[in-house]
Protein backbone atom coordinates (compact mmCIF):
# COMPACT_ATOMS: atom_id res chain seq x y z
CA MET A 1 -54.25 -25.84 -7.99
CA PRO A 2 -52.77 -23.27 -5.37
CA THR A 3 -54.87 -19.52 -5.39
CA VAL A 4 -54.66 -17.12 -7.30
CA THR A 5 -54.98 -13.82 -5.25
CA SER A 6 -51.48 -11.59 -5.99
CA LYS A 7 -50.34 -9.88 -8.74
CA VAL A 8 -47.30 -12.61 -8.79
CA GLU A 9 -50.40 -15.10 -9.33
CA ILE A 10 -52.61 -13.93 -11.35
CA GLU A 11 -49.75 -13.44 -13.71
CA ASN A 12 -48.22 -17.18 -13.11
CA ALA A 13 -51.80 -18.10 -13.66
CA SER A 14 -52.50 -16.23 -16.91
CA LYS A 15 -49.23 -17.07 -18.86
CA ASN A 16 -49.95 -20.69 -17.72
CA ALA A 17 -53.02 -20.77 -19.21
CA ILE A 18 -51.95 -19.58 -22.14
CA ASN A 19 -49.16 -21.55 -22.38
CA ALA A 20 -51.48 -24.36 -22.58
CA LEU A 21 -54.03 -23.13 -24.89
CA PHE A 22 -51.18 -21.70 -27.77
CA GLY A 23 -47.94 -23.86 -27.22
CA PRO A 24 -44.72 -22.59 -24.98
CA ASN A 25 -43.34 -20.27 -27.90
CA VAL A 26 -45.48 -17.21 -26.51
CA GLU A 27 -43.29 -14.04 -26.55
CA ASN A 28 -43.53 -10.75 -25.42
CA PHE A 29 -46.41 -11.91 -22.65
CA ARG A 30 -47.70 -8.69 -21.12
CA ILE A 31 -51.06 -8.38 -18.54
CA ARG A 32 -52.97 -5.61 -20.59
CA GLU A 33 -55.97 -5.88 -18.00
CA VAL A 34 -57.34 -7.29 -14.84
CA PHE A 35 -60.74 -7.09 -13.58
CA PRO A 36 -62.55 -8.78 -10.12
CA TYR A 37 -64.61 -11.11 -11.58
CA SER A 38 -68.12 -12.31 -10.09
CA GLU A 39 -70.57 -15.39 -11.25
CA ASP A 40 -73.21 -12.19 -11.48
CA GLN A 41 -71.16 -9.59 -13.21
CA ILE A 42 -67.83 -7.77 -13.34
CA VAL A 43 -67.43 -5.78 -9.98
CA ALA A 44 -64.66 -2.84 -9.64
CA HIS A 45 -61.50 -1.98 -11.27
CA SER A 46 -59.06 -4.36 -9.32
CA GLU A 47 -57.12 -0.67 -8.04
CA GLN A 48 -60.31 0.21 -6.55
CA MET A 49 -60.89 -3.06 -4.61
CA ASP A 50 -61.25 -2.55 -0.51
CA GLU A 51 -63.21 -4.06 1.52
CA THR A 52 -66.67 -2.72 0.27
CA SER A 53 -66.09 -3.82 -2.50
CA GLN A 54 -68.92 -6.97 -3.50
CA PRO A 55 -66.96 -10.57 -3.25
CA LYS A 56 -65.32 -11.89 -6.12
CA ASP A 57 -65.38 -15.23 -7.70
CA GLY A 58 -62.12 -15.60 -9.51
CA TRP A 59 -60.51 -12.11 -12.22
CA ASP A 60 -61.42 -11.15 -15.40
CA ILE A 61 -57.72 -10.99 -17.38
CA GLN A 62 -57.05 -9.58 -20.68
CA VAL A 63 -53.38 -10.74 -21.64
CA THR A 64 -51.72 -9.89 -24.92
CA PHE A 65 -48.50 -11.45 -26.50
CA LEU A 66 -46.55 -12.33 -29.73
CA LEU A 67 -47.12 -16.01 -31.33
CA ASN A 68 -45.61 -16.81 -34.91
CA GLY A 69 -45.40 -13.02 -35.83
CA LEU A 70 -48.57 -12.78 -34.97
CA GLN A 71 -49.95 -10.11 -32.09
CA TYR A 72 -53.02 -12.01 -29.76
CA THR A 73 -55.49 -10.59 -27.35
CA VAL A 74 -56.96 -13.02 -25.46
CA ASP A 75 -59.19 -13.04 -22.14
CA LEU A 76 -59.44 -15.31 -19.63
CA ILE A 77 -61.35 -15.93 -16.73
CA ILE A 78 -59.39 -17.29 -13.68
CA HIS A 79 -61.04 -18.54 -10.34
CA GLU A 80 -59.13 -17.47 -6.92
CA LYS A 81 -59.71 -20.20 -5.00
CA ASP A 82 -58.40 -22.92 -7.24
CA GLY A 83 -57.17 -21.55 -10.41
CA GLN A 84 -59.11 -23.05 -12.66
CA VAL A 85 -59.79 -21.16 -16.13
CA SER A 86 -63.32 -21.41 -16.93
CA TYR A 87 -62.97 -19.56 -19.53
CA SER A 88 -61.20 -18.26 -22.75
CA ARG A 89 -61.48 -16.30 -25.81
CA VAL A 90 -59.26 -14.84 -28.56
CA ILE A 91 -60.62 -11.03 -28.76
CA ASP A 92 -58.04 -9.58 -31.42
CA LYS A 93 -55.32 -11.12 -33.47
CA MET A 94 -52.88 -9.21 -35.68
CA VAL A 95 -49.48 -8.39 -36.88
CA PRO A 96 -47.68 -6.01 -34.86
CA LEU A 97 -47.28 -2.67 -36.54
């Protein structure tokens, strides 16, 4: 699998993971938040990453999407070096307003 370092690669890897988990009928996919992820902890907000930041192993990504009339919020951990998804969790499932 390819590395996941840019915003476009993060979006593509997230979308592929959600499609693999929930199927191809996902609508209105969007990334809500992206945090650099270290095996020890979340290290900083992605907008604040620079050369002084701690090393990261991957990305902690929160996404939202619609499926069968319900809005889902899902948290993903995607490894930077190979794009592997090591964690996924449904945070919320609700009828959209």
